[in-house]
Amino acid sequence: MTTLTPCPTCGTPCRLVQHGIDENDEPVRHYELVPSEELERLRAELADIHDQHRRVMSEKCPTDEVHCTCVPVLRREVERLERALRKADKNAEALAEMWISSSRVEEKP
């Protein structure tokens, strides 16, 4: 993630770049402008984070407990794992039926 620092002259978000140490043991730094595309990407990412936070904080549970922002992510993962488990259960049932059927065929003289 890009760390932005306000330019000490104009306040524009910039990257602070350090090149090393000068003869007085002071850091050699300069500020470079961040491309507008990257600023827009960062603004969109921040807006998404704020939106998720708003949704999580407005969610009401029966006990009126407040959740952290990881709850929606964890719920989606639980749903994904539950779907995978249901699919695995169906596959296991089908395999068991096939095995039982094949065992019966082999038992016949």
N, C-alpha and C. Protein backbone atom coordinates (compact mmCIF):
# COMPACT_ATOMS: atom_id res chain seq x y z
N MET A 1 0.85 -1.16 0.00
CA MET A 1 0.00 0.00 0.00
C MET A 1 0.89 1.23 0.00
N THR A 2 0.49 2.25 -0.70
CA THR A 2 1.24 3.49 -0.81
C THR A 2 0.97 4.36 0.41
N THR A 3 2.05 4.83 1.04
CA THR A 3 1.90 5.77 2.14
C THR A 3 2.06 7.16 1.58
N LEU A 4 1.08 7.99 1.83
CA LEU A 4 1.10 9.35 1.31
C LEU A 4 1.41 10.33 2.43
N THR A 5 2.18 11.35 2.09
CA THR A 5 2.56 12.40 3.03
C THR A 5 2.22 13.73 2.38
N PRO A 6 1.60 14.63 3.14
CA PRO A 6 1.33 15.95 2.55
C PRO A 6 2.65 16.67 2.24
N CYS A 7 2.70 17.28 1.10
CA CYS A 7 3.86 18.08 0.73
C CYS A 7 3.97 19.23 1.74
N PRO A 8 5.17 19.49 2.28
CA PRO A 8 5.30 20.56 3.27
C PRO A 8 5.05 21.94 2.67
N THR A 9 5.12 22.06 1.35
CA THR A 9 4.92 23.36 0.71
C THR A 9 3.46 23.61 0.35
N CYS A 10 2.83 22.63 -0.33
CA CYS A 10 1.47 22.87 -0.84
C CYS A 10 0.40 21.98 -0.23
N GLY A 11 0.80 20.93 0.50
CA GLY A 11 -0.18 20.03 1.13
C GLY A 11 -0.70 18.94 0.23
N THR A 12 -0.24 18.89 -1.02
CA THR A 12 -0.68 17.86 -1.96
C THR A 12 -0.17 16.49 -1.49
N PRO A 13 -1.02 15.44 -1.54
CA PRO A 13 -0.54 14.11 -1.16
C PRO A 13 0.63 13.69 -2.05
N CYS A 14 1.73 13.33 -1.43
CA CYS A 14 2.94 12.93 -2.15
C CYS A 14 3.55 11.71 -1.50
N ARG A 15 4.42 11.06 -2.23
CA ARG A 15 5.24 10.00 -1.66
C ARG A 15 6.50 10.65 -1.12
N LEU A 16 6.84 10.29 0.10
CA LEU A 16 8.09 10.76 0.67
C LEU A 16 9.16 9.73 0.31
N VAL A 17 10.19 10.19 -0.39
CA VAL A 17 11.25 9.29 -0.84
C VAL A 17 12.53 9.66 -0.12
N GLN A 18 13.17 8.69 0.50
CA GLN A 18 14.44 8.94 1.18
C GLN A 18 15.54 8.25 0.38
N HIS A 19 16.59 9.01 0.07
CA HIS A 19 17.67 8.50 -0.77
C HIS A 19 18.90 8.09 0.01
N GLY A 20 18.96 8.41 1.26
CA GLY A 20 20.15 8.08 2.04
C GLY A 20 20.43 9.18 3.03
N ILE A 21 21.70 9.34 3.37
CA ILE A 21 22.14 10.30 4.38
C ILE A 21 23.13 11.26 3.73
N ASP A 22 22.98 12.55 4.04
CA ASP A 22 23.94 13.53 3.49
C ASP A 22 25.17 13.64 4.39
N GLU A 23 26.04 14.60 4.08
CA GLU A 23 27.30 14.74 4.82
C GLU A 23 27.09 15.16 6.27
N ASN A 24 25.93 15.69 6.60
CA ASN A 24 25.62 16.09 7.98
C ASN A 24 24.79 15.03 8.71
N ASP A 25 24.79 13.81 8.18
CA ASP A 25 24.00 12.70 8.72
C ASP A 25 22.51 12.99 8.77
N GLU A 26 22.04 13.82 7.85
CA GLU A 26 20.62 14.11 7.71
C GLU A 26 20.06 13.29 6.56
N PRO A 27 18.81 12.82 6.70
CA PRO A 27 18.23 12.07 5.58
C PRO A 27 18.05 12.96 4.36
N VAL A 28 18.38 12.40 3.19
CA VAL A 28 18.16 13.10 1.93
C VAL A 28 16.80 12.65 1.43
N ARG A 29 15.85 13.59 1.35
CA ARG A 29 14.48 13.27 0.99
C ARG A 29 13.98 14.18 -0.12
N HIS A 30 13.02 13.70 -0.82
CA HIS A 30 12.27 14.58 -1.71
C HIS A 30 10.84 14.02 -1.79
N TYR A 31 9.96 14.83 -2.25
CA TYR A 31 8.55 14.46 -2.39
C TYR A 31 8.26 14.31 -3.86
N GLU A 32 7.55 13.24 -4.21
CA GLU A 32 7.13 13.09 -5.60
C GLU A 32 5.62 12.97 -5.63
N LEU A 33 5.04 13.58 -6.63
CA LEU A 33 3.59 13.54 -6.77
C LEU A 33 3.12 12.12 -7.07
N VAL A 34 1.99 11.80 -6.54
CA VAL A 34 1.39 10.50 -6.78
C VAL A 34 0.54 10.63 -8.03
N PRO A 35 0.64 9.68 -8.98
CA PRO A 35 -0.19 9.75 -10.19
C PRO A 35 -1.67 9.82 -9.83
N SER A 36 -2.43 10.59 -10.59
CA SER A 36 -3.86 10.78 -10.29
C SER A 36 -4.62 9.45 -10.31
N GLU A 37 -4.21 8.50 -11.16
CA GLU A 37 -4.89 7.19 -11.19
C GLU A 37 -4.72 6.49 -9.85
N GLU A 38 -3.53 6.58 -9.29
CA GLU A 38 -3.30 5.93 -8.00
C GLU A 38 -4.09 6.62 -6.89
N LEU A 39 -4.17 7.94 -6.95
CA LEU A 39 -4.97 8.67 -5.96
C LEU A 39 -6.44 8.25 -6.06
N GLU A 40 -6.94 8.12 -7.27
CA GLU A 40 -8.33 7.71 -7.45
C GLU A 40 -8.54 6.29 -6.92
N ARG A 41 -7.59 5.41 -7.18
CA ARG A 41 -7.69 4.04 -6.68
C ARG A 41 -7.71 4.04 -5.15
N LEU A 42 -6.83 4.84 -4.55
CA LEU A 42 -6.79 4.91 -3.09
C LEU A 42 -8.07 5.52 -2.52
N ARG A 43 -8.59 6.53 -3.19
CA ARG A 43 -9.86 7.14 -2.74
C ARG A 43 -11.00 6.12 -2.82
N ALA A 44 -11.04 5.36 -3.91
CA ALA A 44 -12.09 4.34 -4.07
C ALA A 44 -11.95 3.26 -3.00
N GLU A 45 -10.72 2.86 -2.72
CA GLU A 45 -10.48 1.84 -1.69
C GLU A 45 -10.94 2.37 -0.32
N LEU A 46 -10.62 3.60 -0.02
CA LEU A 46 -11.04 4.21 1.24
C LEU A 46 -12.56 4.32 1.32
N ALA A 47 -13.20 4.71 0.23
CA ALA A 47 -14.66 4.80 0.20
C ALA A 47 -15.29 3.42 0.45
N ASP A 48 -14.70 2.37 -0.13
CA ASP A 48 -15.19 1.01 0.07
C ASP A 48 -15.04 0.60 1.54
N ILE A 49 -13.92 0.93 2.13
CA ILE A 49 -13.70 0.61 3.55
C ILE A 49 -14.73 1.32 4.42
N HIS A 50 -14.97 2.60 4.13
CA HIS A 50 -15.95 3.36 4.90
C HIS A 50 -17.35 2.77 4.71
N ASP A 51 -17.69 2.38 3.48
CA ASP A 51 -19.00 1.80 3.20
C ASP A 51 -19.19 0.49 3.96
N GLN A 52 -18.18 -0.38 3.93
CA GLN A 52 -18.26 -1.64 4.66
C GLN A 52 -18.43 -1.38 6.15
N HIS A 53 -17.69 -0.43 6.66
CA HIS A 53 -17.78 -0.11 8.09
C HIS A 53 -19.18 0.38 8.44
N ARG A 54 -19.75 1.25 7.61
CA ARG A 54 -21.10 1.75 7.85
C ARG A 54 -22.11 0.60 7.88
N ARG A 55 -22.00 -0.33 6.90
CA ARG A 55 -22.93 -1.45 6.84
C ARG A 55 -22.80 -2.34 8.07
N VAL A 56 -21.57 -2.61 8.48
CA VAL A 56 -21.37 -3.48 9.64
C VAL A 56 -21.91 -2.82 10.90
N MET A 57 -21.63 -1.55 11.07
CA MET A 57 -22.04 -0.87 12.29
C MET A 57 -23.55 -0.67 12.35
N SER A 58 -24.24 -0.65 11.20
CA SER A 58 -25.68 -0.48 11.21
C SER A 58 -26.42 -1.80 11.36
N GLU A 59 -25.68 -2.92 11.28
CA GLU A 59 -26.29 -4.23 11.39
C GLU A 59 -26.77 -4.46 12.83
N LYS A 60 -28.00 -4.87 12.96
CA LYS A 60 -28.57 -5.12 14.28
C LYS A 60 -28.71 -6.62 14.51
N CYS A 61 -28.24 -7.06 15.63
CA CYS A 61 -28.38 -8.45 16.03
C CYS A 61 -29.42 -8.51 17.14
N PRO A 62 -29.95 -9.70 17.41
CA PRO A 62 -30.96 -9.81 18.46
C PRO A 62 -30.48 -9.24 19.81
N THR A 63 -29.20 -9.32 20.06
CA THR A 63 -28.68 -8.84 21.35
C THR A 63 -28.12 -7.43 21.24
N ASP A 64 -28.31 -6.78 20.08
CA ASP A 64 -27.78 -5.44 19.83
C ASP A 64 -26.27 -5.36 20.00
N GLU A 65 -25.58 -6.46 19.73
CA GLU A 65 -24.13 -6.41 19.82
C GLU A 65 -23.57 -5.73 18.57
N VAL A 66 -22.41 -5.16 18.70
CA VAL A 66 -21.77 -4.46 17.59
C VAL A 66 -20.64 -5.35 17.09
N HIS A 67 -20.56 -5.50 15.77
CA HIS A 67 -19.55 -6.36 15.16
C HIS A 67 -18.41 -5.54 14.61
N CYS A 68 -17.27 -6.20 14.46
CA CYS A 68 -16.16 -5.56 13.78
C CYS A 68 -16.35 -5.74 12.27
N THR A 69 -15.51 -5.10 11.50
CA THR A 69 -15.68 -5.11 10.04
C THR A 69 -15.34 -6.45 9.41
N CYS A 70 -14.78 -7.39 10.15
CA CYS A 70 -14.47 -8.70 9.55
C CYS A 70 -15.70 -9.59 9.45
N VAL A 71 -16.79 -9.24 10.12
CA VAL A 71 -17.97 -10.10 10.17
C VAL A 71 -18.52 -10.42 8.77
N PRO A 72 -18.73 -9.43 7.88
CA PRO A 72 -19.26 -9.78 6.55
C PRO A 72 -18.32 -10.71 5.78
N VAL A 73 -17.04 -10.50 5.91
CA VAL A 73 -16.07 -11.36 5.22
C VAL A 73 -16.16 -12.77 5.77
N LEU A 74 -16.23 -12.90 7.08
CA LEU A 74 -16.33 -14.22 7.70
C LEU A 74 -17.65 -14.90 7.35
N ARG A 75 -18.73 -14.15 7.28
CA ARG A 75 -20.02 -14.74 6.92
C ARG A 75 -19.99 -15.28 5.49
N ARG A 76 -19.39 -14.51 4.58
CA ARG A 76 -19.27 -14.99 3.19
C ARG A 76 -18.44 -16.27 3.14
N GLU A 77 -17.38 -16.34 3.93
CA GLU A 77 -16.53 -17.54 3.95
C GLU A 77 -17.31 -18.72 4.53
N VAL A 78 -18.07 -18.50 5.58
CA VAL A 78 -18.89 -19.56 6.16
C VAL A 78 -19.89 -20.08 5.13
N GLU A 79 -20.55 -19.16 4.42
CA GLU A 79 -21.51 -19.57 3.38
C GLU A 79 -20.82 -20.39 2.29
N ARG A 80 -19.63 -19.96 1.87
CA ARG A 80 -18.89 -20.68 0.83
C ARG A 80 -18.54 -22.09 1.33
N LEU A 81 -18.07 -22.19 2.57
CA LEU A 81 -17.70 -23.49 3.12
C LEU A 81 -18.93 -24.38 3.32
N GLU A 82 -20.05 -23.80 3.71
CA GLU A 82 -21.27 -24.59 3.86
C GLU A 82 -21.73 -25.15 2.51
N ARG A 83 -21.63 -24.33 1.45
CA ARG A 83 -21.98 -24.82 0.10
C ARG A 83 -21.05 -25.97 -0.30
N ALA A 84 -19.76 -25.80 -0.04
CA ALA A 84 -18.79 -26.85 -0.38
C ALA A 84 -19.08 -28.12 0.41
N LEU A 85 -19.47 -27.98 1.67
CA LEU A 85 -19.78 -29.14 2.50
C LEU A 85 -21.02 -29.86 1.98
N ARG A 86 -22.06 -29.09 1.61
CA ARG A 86 -23.27 -29.72 1.05
C ARG A 86 -22.94 -30.50 -0.22
N LYS A 87 -22.10 -29.90 -1.06
CA LYS A 87 -21.71 -30.57 -2.31
C LYS A 87 -20.91 -31.84 -2.00
N ALA A 88 -20.00 -31.75 -1.05
CA ALA A 88 -19.20 -32.93 -0.67
C ALA A 88 -20.09 -34.02 -0.09
N ASP A 89 -21.09 -33.63 0.72
CA ASP A 89 -22.02 -34.61 1.28
C ASP A 89 -22.78 -35.33 0.18
N LYS A 90 -23.26 -34.58 -0.82
CA LYS A 90 -23.98 -35.20 -1.94
C LYS A 90 -23.07 -36.16 -2.69
N ASN A 91 -21.83 -35.73 -2.93
CA ASN A 91 -20.88 -36.60 -3.62
C ASN A 91 -20.59 -37.86 -2.81
N ALA A 92 -20.45 -37.71 -1.50
CA ALA A 92 -20.18 -38.86 -0.64
C ALA A 92 -21.37 -39.83 -0.65
N GLU A 93 -22.59 -39.28 -0.61
CA GLU A 93 -23.77 -40.13 -0.66
C GLU A 93 -23.84 -40.89 -1.98
N ALA A 94 -23.54 -40.21 -3.07
CA ALA A 94 -23.56 -40.86 -4.38
C ALA A 94 -22.51 -41.96 -4.46
N LEU A 95 -21.33 -41.69 -3.95
CA LEU A 95 -20.27 -42.71 -3.95
C LEU A 95 -20.65 -43.89 -3.08
N ALA A 96 -21.26 -43.62 -1.93
CA ALA A 96 -21.68 -44.71 -1.04
C ALA A 96 -22.72 -45.59 -1.73
N GLU A 97 -23.66 -44.95 -2.41
CA GLU A 97 -24.69 -45.71 -3.14
C GLU A 97 -24.06 -46.56 -4.24
N MET A 98 -23.10 -45.98 -4.95
CA MET A 98 -22.42 -46.73 -6.01
C MET A 98 -21.67 -47.92 -5.41
N TRP A 99 -21.03 -47.73 -4.30
CA TRP A 99 -20.24 -48.79 -3.67
C TRP A 99 -21.16 -49.90 -3.18
N ILE A 100 -22.29 -49.49 -2.57
CA ILE A 100 -23.25 -50.50 -2.10
C ILE A 100 -23.81 -51.27 -3.28
N SER A 101 -24.14 -50.57 -4.34
CA SER A 101 -24.67 -51.24 -5.54
C SER A 101 -23.64 -52.20 -6.13
N SER A 102 -22.41 -51.79 -6.20
CA SER A 102 -21.38 -52.66 -6.78
C SER A 102 -21.10 -53.84 -5.86
N SER A 103 -21.23 -53.65 -4.57
CA SER A 103 -21.02 -54.77 -3.62
C SER A 103 -22.09 -55.81 -3.80
N ARG A 104 -23.32 -55.38 -4.03
CA ARG A 104 -24.43 -56.32 -4.21
C ARG A 104 -24.24 -57.12 -5.49
N VAL A 105 -23.74 -56.47 -6.53
CA VAL A 105 -23.52 -57.17 -7.81
C VAL A 105 -22.44 -58.23 -7.64
N GLU A 106 -21.38 -57.89 -6.91
CA GLU A 106 -20.27 -58.84 -6.71
C GLU A 106 -20.68 -60.01 -5.83
N GLU A 107 -21.65 -59.84 -4.92
CA GLU A 107 -22.08 -60.90 -4.01
C GLU A 107 -22.90 -61.96 -4.72
N LYS A 108 -23.55 -61.64 -5.81
CA LYS A 108 -24.38 -62.61 -6.51
C LYS A 108 -23.52 -63.71 -7.12
N PRO A 109 -23.94 -64.98 -6.92
CA PRO A 109 -23.16 -66.09 -7.49
C PRO A 109 -23.28 -66.23 -8.98
